[in-house]
Amino acid sequence: MVRRPLIAGNWKMHKTAAEATDLVQALRAGLRTDAVDTLVAPPYTSLSTVVEAAKGSPIAVAAQNMHWENHGAFTGEISPVMLTNLGCSHVILGHSERRQLFGETDEGVARKAAAALNHGLVPIICVGETLDEREADRTMEVVDRQVERALRELSPDAVAGSVLAYEPVWAIGTGKAATPEQAQEVHAHIRNLVFRSHGDPVAAALRILYGGSVKPGNVAAIMAQVDIDGALVGGACLEADSFLKLVHFGDA
């Protein structure tokens, strides 16, 4: 099966609403491929602005997180109902910064993924090991646990319609990316895990992104790997020129 590549930009805590509009307009002007899905994930304060700026373009919009409840006394949280009402199509869940800095758990990520799917949002579910875990040869153990807990309550169709993102924590924002071969090894392992849990058609359809210091200089080698279907990008997505180079990774 040919899986359509997805290049997703996670803006994290960057860009005012005005800056967000400028960036989306620059991306619209520079996009020259219809063979790659393009997605941006601005902060909450710019979601509605970005949805409006991207309207009529192939640029999809994701939130960076959400709560699993539709409403309630959860100060500072955003619900899936709110995101779909704004026009978001995707939501990033379980990013390592959420897990490491804000105490998010595997169980919470699973609840959020189910809630996202119930409201028509595509979850981009992040998994990955810390440096200590990799050095202790626990990468596959950690990834197995995170993937299994995130997907075990989901139907095969739900899993096939989701996105996974392997992001080694030690490579995020450090400039130290996993080699294409290291990334491929984990991606293949994840796909085999999904094959065992949800079947071959689901494993073949599931898009698995790589994240962690992806840059214009290494994206082509990363995307050449058979089980890597795209990239979840941080710093390199904050300027139009560098993000467009990632989206156009196959260009000469």
C-alpha atoms as a PDB file:
ATOM      1  CA  MET A   1       0.000   0.000   0.000  1.00  0.00           C
ATOM      2  CA  VAL A   2       1.218   3.492  -0.841  1.00  0.00           C
ATOM      3  CA  ARG A   3       0.737   5.750   2.172  1.00  0.00           C
ATOM      4  CA  ARG A   4       0.438   9.454   1.436  1.00  0.00           C
ATOM      5  CA  PRO A   5       3.218  11.436   3.152  1.00  0.00           C
ATOM      6  CA  LEU A   6       2.271  13.918   5.875  1.00  0.00           C
ATOM      7  CA  ILE A   7       4.527  16.792   6.945  1.00  0.00           C
ATOM      8  CA  ALA A   8       3.192  18.357  10.149  1.00  0.00           C
ATOM      9  CA  GLY A   9       4.514  21.492  11.824  1.00  0.00           C
ATOM     10  CA  ASN A  10       4.106  21.783  15.593  1.00  0.00           C
ATOM     11  CA  TRP A  11       4.504  25.460  16.408  1.00  0.00           C
ATOM     12  CA  LYS A  12       4.539  24.813  20.167  1.00  0.00           C
ATOM     13  CA  MET A  13       4.375  28.095  22.154  1.00  0.00           C
ATOM     14  CA  HIS A  14       5.260  30.359  19.220  1.00  0.00           C
ATOM     15  CA  LYS A  15       3.479  32.885  16.991  1.00  0.00           C
ATOM     16  CA  THR A  16       0.910  35.541  17.815  1.00  0.00           C
ATOM     17  CA  ALA A  17      -2.288  35.562  15.765  1.00  0.00           C
ATOM     18  CA  ALA A  18      -0.842  38.144  13.365  1.00  0.00           C
ATOM     19  CA  GLU A  19       2.407  36.201  12.970  1.00  0.00           C
ATOM     20  CA  ALA A  20       0.400  33.017  12.408  1.00  0.00           C
ATOM     21  CA  THR A  21      -1.548  34.614   9.568  1.00  0.00           C
ATOM     22  CA  ASP A  22       1.658  35.791   7.907  1.00  0.00           C
ATOM     23  CA  LEU A  23       3.188  32.320   8.113  1.00  0.00           C
ATOM     24  CA  VAL A  24       0.139  30.557   6.669  1.00  0.00           C
ATOM     25  CA  GLN A  25      -0.066  33.059   3.826  1.00  0.00           C
ATOM     26  CA  ALA A  26       3.607  32.445   3.031  1.00  0.00           C
ATOM     27  CA  LEU A  27       3.054  28.685   3.091  1.00  0.00           C
ATOM     28  CA  ARG A  28       0.069  28.997   0.756  1.00  0.00           C
ATOM     29  CA  ALA A  29       2.101  31.066  -1.657  1.00  0.00           C
ATOM     30  CA  GLY A  30       5.024  28.630  -1.653  1.00  0.00           C
ATOM     31  CA  LEU A  31       3.295  25.237  -1.796  1.00  0.00           C
ATOM     32  CA  ARG A  32       3.904  23.534  -5.119  1.00  0.00           C
ATOM     33  CA  THR A  33       3.021  19.892  -4.497  1.00  0.00           C
ATOM     34  CA  ASP A  34      -0.230  17.996  -4.176  1.00  0.00           C
ATOM     35  CA  ALA A  35       1.514  14.699  -3.408  1.00  0.00           C
ATOM     36  CA  VAL A  36       2.154  15.506   0.261  1.00  0.00           C
ATOM     37  CA  ASP A  37      -0.321  16.371   3.014  1.00  0.00           C
ATOM     38  CA  THR A  38       0.645  19.550   4.864  1.00  0.00           C
ATOM     39  CA  LEU A  39      -0.482  20.353   8.419  1.00  0.00           C
ATOM     40  CA  VAL A  40       0.215  23.088  10.950  1.00  0.00           C
ATOM     41  CA  ALA A  41      -0.463  23.036  14.688  1.00  0.00           C
ATOM     42  CA  PRO A  42      -0.552  26.557  16.119  1.00  0.00           C
ATOM     43  CA  PRO A  43      -1.160  27.432  19.775  1.00  0.00           C
ATOM     44  CA  TYR A  44      -4.765  27.641  20.928  1.00  0.00           C
ATOM     45  CA  THR A  45      -4.817  31.426  20.652  1.00  0.00           C
ATOM     46  CA  SER A  46      -4.181  31.265  16.902  1.00  0.00           C
ATOM     47  CA  LEU A  47      -6.324  28.264  15.940  1.00  0.00           C
ATOM     48  CA  SER A  48      -9.304  30.204  14.621  1.00  0.00           C
ATOM     49  CA  THR A  49      -7.004  32.662  12.832  1.00  0.00           C
ATOM     50  CA  VAL A  50      -5.074  29.872  11.155  1.00  0.00           C
ATOM     51  CA  VAL A  51      -8.209  27.951  10.166  1.00  0.00           C
ATOM     52  CA  GLU A  52      -9.481  31.095   8.440  1.00  0.00           C
ATOM     53  CA  ALA A  53      -6.114  31.835   6.804  1.00  0.00           C
ATOM     54  CA  ALA A  54      -5.831  28.248   5.517  1.00  0.00           C
ATOM     55  CA  LYS A  55      -9.393  28.057   4.194  1.00  0.00           C
ATOM     56  CA  GLY A  56      -9.505  26.925   0.580  1.00  0.00           C
ATOM     57  CA  SER A  57      -5.918  25.635   0.704  1.00  0.00           C
ATOM     58  CA  PRO A  58      -4.592  22.086   1.222  1.00  0.00           C
ATOM     59  CA  ILE A  59      -3.175  23.059   4.631  1.00  0.00           C
ATOM     60  CA  ALA A  60      -4.811  21.144   7.497  1.00  0.00           C
ATOM     61  CA  VAL A  61      -4.949  22.522  11.034  1.00  0.00           C
ATOM     62  CA  ALA A  62      -4.325  20.638  14.270  1.00  0.00           C
ATOM     63  CA  ALA A  63      -4.460  21.559  17.926  1.00  0.00           C
ATOM     64  CA  GLN A  64      -1.482  20.684  20.105  1.00  0.00           C
ATOM     65  CA  ASN A  65      -3.516  18.986  22.838  1.00  0.00           C
ATOM     66  CA  MET A  66      -7.057  18.602  24.195  1.00  0.00           C
ATOM     67  CA  HIS A  67      -9.081  17.196  27.067  1.00  0.00           C
ATOM     68  CA  TRP A  68     -11.084  14.001  26.639  1.00  0.00           C
ATOM     69  CA  GLU A  69     -14.328  15.480  28.039  1.00  0.00           C
ATOM     70  CA  ASN A  70     -16.753  17.512  25.935  1.00  0.00           C
ATOM     71  CA  HIS A  71     -17.220  20.155  28.637  1.00  0.00           C
ATOM     72  CA  GLY A  72     -16.877  20.625  32.373  1.00  0.00           C
ATOM     73  CA  ALA A  73     -14.972  22.269  35.191  1.00  0.00           C
ATOM     74  CA  PHE A  74     -11.494  21.859  33.695  1.00  0.00           C
ATOM     75  CA  THR A  75      -9.873  25.274  33.917  1.00  0.00           C
ATOM     76  CA  GLY A  76      -7.457  25.959  31.086  1.00  0.00           C
ATOM     77  CA  GLU A  77      -8.501  22.961  28.996  1.00  0.00           C
ATOM     78  CA  ILE A  78      -9.961  22.690  25.490  1.00  0.00           C
ATOM     79  CA  SER A  79     -12.489  20.044  24.419  1.00  0.00           C
ATOM     80  CA  PRO A  80     -12.823  18.084  21.165  1.00  0.00           C
ATOM     81  CA  VAL A  81     -16.165  19.815  20.597  1.00  0.00           C
ATOM     82  CA  MET A  82     -14.433  23.188  20.695  1.00  0.00           C
ATOM     83  CA  LEU A  83     -11.762  22.051  18.245  1.00  0.00           C
ATOM     84  CA  THR A  84     -14.190  20.665  15.680  1.00  0.00           C
ATOM     85  CA  ASN A  85     -16.305  23.810  16.035  1.00  0.00           C
ATOM     86  CA  LEU A  86     -13.249  25.897  15.122  1.00  0.00           C
ATOM     87  CA  GLY A  87     -12.559  23.770  12.056  1.00  0.00           C
ATOM     88  CA  CYS A  88      -9.605  21.690  13.232  1.00  0.00           C
ATOM     89  CA  SER A  89      -9.174  18.307  11.561  1.00  0.00           C
ATOM     90  CA  HIS A  90      -6.352  16.858  13.691  1.00  0.00           C
ATOM     91  CA  VAL A  91      -4.996  17.001  17.235  1.00  0.00           C
ATOM     92  CA  ILE A  92      -1.528  16.121  18.573  1.00  0.00           C
ATOM     93  CA  LEU A  93      -1.689  13.897  21.646  1.00  0.00           C
ATOM     94  CA  GLY A  94       0.938  12.603  24.049  1.00  0.00           C
ATOM     95  CA  HIS A  95       3.804  14.766  22.809  1.00  0.00           C
ATOM     96  CA  SER A  96       6.899  14.110  24.904  1.00  0.00           C
ATOM     97  CA  GLU A  97       6.827  17.646  26.273  1.00  0.00           C
ATOM     98  CA  ARG A  98       3.296  16.996  27.552  1.00  0.00           C
ATOM     99  CA  ARG A  99       4.404  13.702  29.071  1.00  0.00           C
ATOM    100  CA  GLN A 100       7.695  14.953  30.521  1.00  0.00           C
ATOM    101  CA  LEU A 101       6.741  18.468  31.653  1.00  0.00           C
ATOM    102  CA  PHE A 102       3.042  18.136  32.445  1.00  0.00           C
ATOM    103  CA  GLY A 103       2.732  14.573  33.688  1.00  0.00           C
ATOM    104  CA  GLU A 104       0.539  13.136  30.960  1.00  0.00           C
ATOM    105  CA  THR A 105       0.057   9.378  31.210  1.00  0.00           C
ATOM    106  CA  ASP A 106      -0.423   6.582  28.691  1.00  0.00           C
ATOM    107  CA  GLU A 107      -3.958   6.133  29.983  1.00  0.00           C
ATOM    108  CA  GLY A 108      -4.785   9.801  29.534  1.00  0.00           C
ATOM    109  CA  VAL A 109      -3.431   9.763  25.988  1.00  0.00           C
ATOM    110  CA  ALA A 110      -5.615   6.741  25.217  1.00  0.00           C
ATOM    111  CA  ARG A 111      -8.734   8.498  26.527  1.00  0.00           C
ATOM    112  CA  LYS A 112      -7.920  11.578  24.458  1.00  0.00           C
ATOM    113  CA  ALA A 113      -7.349   9.517  21.308  1.00  0.00           C
ATOM    114  CA  ALA A 114     -10.718   7.804  21.678  1.00  0.00           C
ATOM    115  CA  ALA A 115     -12.455  11.136  22.300  1.00  0.00           C
ATOM    116  CA  ALA A 116     -10.782  12.715  19.276  1.00  0.00           C
ATOM    117  CA  LEU A 117     -11.918   9.904  16.989  1.00  0.00           C
ATOM    118  CA  ASN A 118     -15.449  10.056  18.407  1.00  0.00           C
ATOM    119  CA  HIS A 119     -15.617  13.691  17.276  1.00  0.00           C
ATOM    120  CA  GLY A 120     -14.100  13.206  13.830  1.00  0.00           C
ATOM    121  CA  LEU A 121     -10.635  14.473  14.744  1.00  0.00           C
ATOM    122  CA  VAL A 122      -7.566  12.567  13.555  1.00  0.00           C
ATOM    123  CA  PRO A 123      -5.268  11.959  16.547  1.00  0.00           C
ATOM    124  CA  ILE A 124      -1.529  12.249  15.994  1.00  0.00           C
ATOM    125  CA  ILE A 125      -0.357  10.034  18.853  1.00  0.00           C
ATOM    126  CA  CYS A 126       3.254  10.603  19.911  1.00  0.00           C
ATOM    127  CA  VAL A 127       5.497   7.920  21.386  1.00  0.00           C
ATOM    128  CA  GLY A 128       9.203   7.762  22.113  1.00  0.00           C
ATOM    129  CA  GLU A 129      11.937   6.996  24.596  1.00  0.00           C
ATOM    130  CA  THR A 130      14.209   9.195  26.688  1.00  0.00           C
ATOM    131  CA  LEU A 131      17.998   9.138  26.380  1.00  0.00           C
ATOM    132  CA  ASP A 132      18.308   7.086  29.570  1.00  0.00           C
ATOM    133  CA  GLU A 133      15.829   4.550  28.205  1.00  0.00           C
ATOM    134  CA  ARG A 134      17.675   4.257  24.883  1.00  0.00           C
ATOM    135  CA  GLU A 135      21.036   3.862  26.598  1.00  0.00           C
ATOM    136  CA  ALA A 136      19.499   1.133  28.774  1.00  0.00           C
ATOM    137  CA  ASP A 137      18.355  -0.654  25.588  1.00  0.00           C
ATOM    138  CA  ARG A 138      14.695  -0.119  26.522  1.00  0.00           C
ATOM    139  CA  THR A 139      13.543   1.709  23.373  1.00  0.00           C
ATOM    140  CA  MET A 140      11.294  -1.056  22.069  1.00  0.00           C
ATOM    141  CA  GLU A 141       9.901  -1.798  25.537  1.00  0.00           C
ATOM    142  CA  VAL A 142       8.881   1.837  26.027  1.00  0.00           C
ATOM    143  CA  VAL A 143       7.440   2.215  22.537  1.00  0.00           C
ATOM    144  CA  ASP A 144       5.549  -1.090  22.885  1.00  0.00           C
ATOM    145  CA  ARG A 145       3.920   0.098  26.090  1.00  0.00           C
ATOM    146  CA  GLN A 146       2.963   3.515  24.756  1.00  0.00           C
ATOM    147  CA  VAL A 147       1.560   2.202  21.459  1.00  0.00           C
ATOM    148  CA  GLU A 148      -0.296  -0.713  23.018  1.00  0.00           C
ATOM    149  CA  ARG A 149      -1.985   1.419  25.677  1.00  0.00           C
ATOM    150  CA  ALA A 150      -2.934   4.127  23.177  1.00  0.00           C
ATOM    151  CA  LEU A 151      -4.493   1.729  20.654  1.00  0.00           C
ATOM    152  CA  ARG A 152      -5.833  -1.249  22.585  1.00  0.00           C
ATOM    153  CA  GLU A 153      -9.393   0.061  22.977  1.00  0.00           C
ATOM    154  CA  LEU A 154      -9.618   1.323  19.384  1.00  0.00           C
ATOM    155  CA  SER A 155     -11.228  -0.572  16.520  1.00  0.00           C
ATOM    156  CA  PRO A 156      -9.166  -1.517  13.465  1.00  0.00           C
ATOM    157  CA  ASP A 157     -10.843   1.226  11.423  1.00  0.00           C
ATOM    158  CA  ALA A 158     -10.091   3.788  14.141  1.00  0.00           C
ATOM    159  CA  VAL A 159      -6.417   2.817  14.238  1.00  0.00           C
ATOM    160  CA  ALA A 160      -6.117   2.905  10.453  1.00  0.00           C
ATOM    161  CA  GLY A 161      -7.564   6.435  10.527  1.00  0.00           C
ATOM    162  CA  SER A 162      -5.119   7.639  13.174  1.00  0.00           C
ATOM    163  CA  VAL A 163      -1.500   8.788  12.882  1.00  0.00           C
ATOM    164  CA  LEU A 164       1.393   7.707  15.082  1.00  0.00           C
ATOM    165  CA  ALA A 165       4.517   9.807  15.538  1.00  0.00           C
ATOM    166  CA  TYR A 166       7.752   8.289  16.815  1.00  0.00           C
ATOM    167  CA  GLU A 167       9.726  11.030  18.546  1.00  0.00           C
ATOM    168  CA  PRO A 168      12.798   9.983  20.509  1.00  0.00           C
ATOM    169  CA  VAL A 169      12.821  12.444  23.390  1.00  0.00           C
ATOM    170  CA  TRP A 170      16.593  12.794  23.186  1.00  0.00           C
ATOM    171  CA  ALA A 171      16.322  14.144  19.626  1.00  0.00           C
ATOM    172  CA  ILE A 172      13.654  16.806  20.186  1.00  0.00           C
ATOM    173  CA  GLY A 173      15.034  20.325  20.039  1.00  0.00           C
ATOM    174  CA  THR A 174      18.595  19.097  20.560  1.00  0.00           C
ATOM    175  CA  GLY A 175      19.792  19.121  16.974  1.00  0.00           C
ATOM    176  CA  LYS A 176      20.651  15.436  17.482  1.00  0.00           C
ATOM    177  CA  ALA A 177      18.369  13.461  15.186  1.00  0.00           C
ATOM    178  CA  ALA A 178      18.142   9.699  15.103  1.00  0.00           C
ATOM    179  CA  THR A 179      19.841   8.332  12.029  1.00  0.00           C
ATOM    180  CA  PRO A 180      17.463   7.298   9.246  1.00  0.00           C
ATOM    181  CA  GLU A 181      18.364   3.686  10.035  1.00  0.00           C
ATOM    182  CA  GLN A 182      17.618   4.101  13.757  1.00  0.00           C
ATOM    183  CA  ALA A 183      14.283   5.727  12.962  1.00  0.00           C
ATOM    184  CA  GLN A 184      13.398   3.042  10.408  1.00  0.00           C
ATOM    185  CA  GLU A 185      14.137   0.281  12.910  1.00  0.00           C
ATOM    186  CA  VAL A 186      11.639   1.687  15.403  1.00  0.00           C
ATOM    187  CA  HIS A 187       9.046   2.502  12.739  1.00  0.00           C
ATOM    188  CA  ALA A 188       9.199  -1.058  11.413  1.00  0.00           C
ATOM    189  CA  HIS A 189       8.844  -2.356  14.965  1.00  0.00           C
ATOM    190  CA  ILE A 190       5.772  -0.176  15.523  1.00  0.00           C
ATOM    191  CA  ARG A 191       4.176  -1.324  12.276  1.00  0.00           C
ATOM    192  CA  ASN A 192       4.773  -4.955  13.237  1.00  0.00           C
ATOM    193  CA  LEU A 193       3.234  -4.297  16.652  1.00  0.00           C
ATOM    194  CA  VAL A 194       0.110  -2.885  14.995  1.00  0.00           C
ATOM    195  CA  PHE A 195       0.069  -5.846  12.609  1.00  0.00           C
ATOM    196  CA  ARG A 196      -0.061  -8.187  15.593  1.00  0.00           C
ATOM    197  CA  SER A 197      -2.716  -6.185  17.456  1.00  0.00           C
ATOM    198  CA  HIS A 198      -5.017  -4.969  14.665  1.00  0.00           C
ATOM    199  CA  GLY A 199      -4.130  -6.903  11.520  1.00  0.00           C
ATOM    200  CA  ASP A 200      -2.191  -6.491   8.308  1.00  0.00           C
ATOM    201  CA  PRO A 201      -4.556  -4.071   6.464  1.00  0.00           C
ATOM    202  CA  VAL A 202      -4.461  -1.673   9.427  1.00  0.00           C
ATOM    203  CA  ALA A 203      -0.686  -1.865   9.772  1.00  0.00           C
ATOM    204  CA  ALA A 204      -0.296  -1.267   6.041  1.00  0.00           C
ATOM    205  CA  ALA A 205      -2.603   1.771   6.088  1.00  0.00           C
ATOM    206  CA  LEU A 206      -1.351   3.438   9.291  1.00  0.00           C
ATOM    207  CA  ARG A 207       0.838   6.501   8.781  1.00  0.00           C
ATOM    208  CA  ILE A 208       3.804   6.698  11.150  1.00  0.00           C
ATOM    209  CA  LEU A 209       5.705   9.990  11.299  1.00  0.00           C
ATOM    210  CA  TYR A 210       9.199  10.648  12.592  1.00  0.00           C
ATOM    211  CA  GLY A 211       9.908  13.648  14.809  1.00  0.00           C
ATOM    212  CA  GLY A 212      13.095  14.926  16.354  1.00  0.00           C
ATOM    213  CA  SER A 213      15.370  17.574  14.809  1.00  0.00           C
ATOM    214  CA  VAL A 214      14.032  17.047  11.286  1.00  0.00           C
ATOM    215  CA  LYS A 215      15.578  19.683   9.021  1.00  0.00           C
ATOM    216  CA  PRO A 216      15.821  20.403   5.282  1.00  0.00           C
ATOM    217  CA  GLY A 217      19.257  18.776   5.288  1.00  0.00           C
ATOM    218  CA  ASN A 218      18.117  15.377   6.593  1.00  0.00           C
ATOM    219  CA  VAL A 219      14.458  15.097   5.573  1.00  0.00           C
ATOM    220  CA  ALA A 220      15.065  13.351   2.225  1.00  0.00           C
ATOM    221  CA  ALA A 221      17.106  10.571   3.839  1.00  0.00           C
ATOM    222  CA  ILE A 222      14.503  10.142   6.559  1.00  0.00           C
ATOM    223  CA  MET A 223      11.627  10.039   4.079  1.00  0.00           C
ATOM    224  CA  ALA A 224      13.449   7.459   1.946  1.00  0.00           C
ATOM    225  CA  GLN A 225      12.888   4.856   4.670  1.00  0.00           C
ATOM    226  CA  VAL A 226      10.155   2.374   3.818  1.00  0.00           C
ATOM    227  CA  ASP A 227       8.189   2.661   7.085  1.00  0.00           C
ATOM    228  CA  ILE A 228       8.506   6.433   7.600  1.00  0.00           C
ATOM    229  CA  ASP A 229       5.459   8.216   6.224  1.00  0.00           C
ATOM    230  CA  GLY A 230       6.173  11.804   7.159  1.00  0.00           C
ATOM    231  CA  ALA A 231       7.572  14.108   9.794  1.00  0.00           C
ATOM    232  CA  LEU A 232       6.338  15.924  12.875  1.00  0.00           C
ATOM    233  CA  VAL A 233       8.532  19.017  12.886  1.00  0.00           C
ATOM    234  CA  GLY A 234       9.255  21.587  15.588  1.00  0.00           C
ATOM    235  CA  GLY A 235      11.794  24.358  15.082  1.00  0.00           C
ATOM    236  CA  ALA A 236      12.109  23.967  11.316  1.00  0.00           C
ATOM    237  CA  CYS A 237       8.406  24.693  10.806  1.00  0.00           C
ATOM    238  CA  LEU A 238       8.475  28.210  12.253  1.00  0.00           C
ATOM    239  CA  GLU A 239       9.777  29.849   9.078  1.00  0.00           C
ATOM    240  CA  ALA A 240       8.034  29.373   5.745  1.00  0.00           C
ATOM    241  CA  ASP A 241      11.204  28.734   3.732  1.00  0.00           C
ATOM    242  CA  SER A 242      12.464  25.887   5.898  1.00  0.00           C
ATOM    243  CA  PHE A 243       9.052  24.267   6.321  1.00  0.00           C
ATOM    244  CA  LEU A 244       8.380  24.387   2.587  1.00  0.00           C
ATOM    245  CA  LYS A 245      11.716  22.668   1.976  1.00  0.00           C
ATOM    246  CA  LEU A 246      10.517  19.860   4.213  1.00  0.00           C
ATOM    247  CA  VAL A 247       7.183  19.605   2.399  1.00  0.00           C
ATOM    248  CA  HIS A 248       9.012  19.524  -0.943  1.00  0.00           C
ATOM    249  CA  PHE A 249      11.497  16.911   0.236  1.00  0.00           C
ATOM    250  CA  GLY A 250      11.274  14.955  -3.005  1.00  0.00           C
ATOM    251  CA  ASP A 251      12.163  17.906  -5.238  1.00  0.00           C
ATOM    252  CA  ALA A 252      15.521  18.017  -6.913  1.00  0.00           C
END
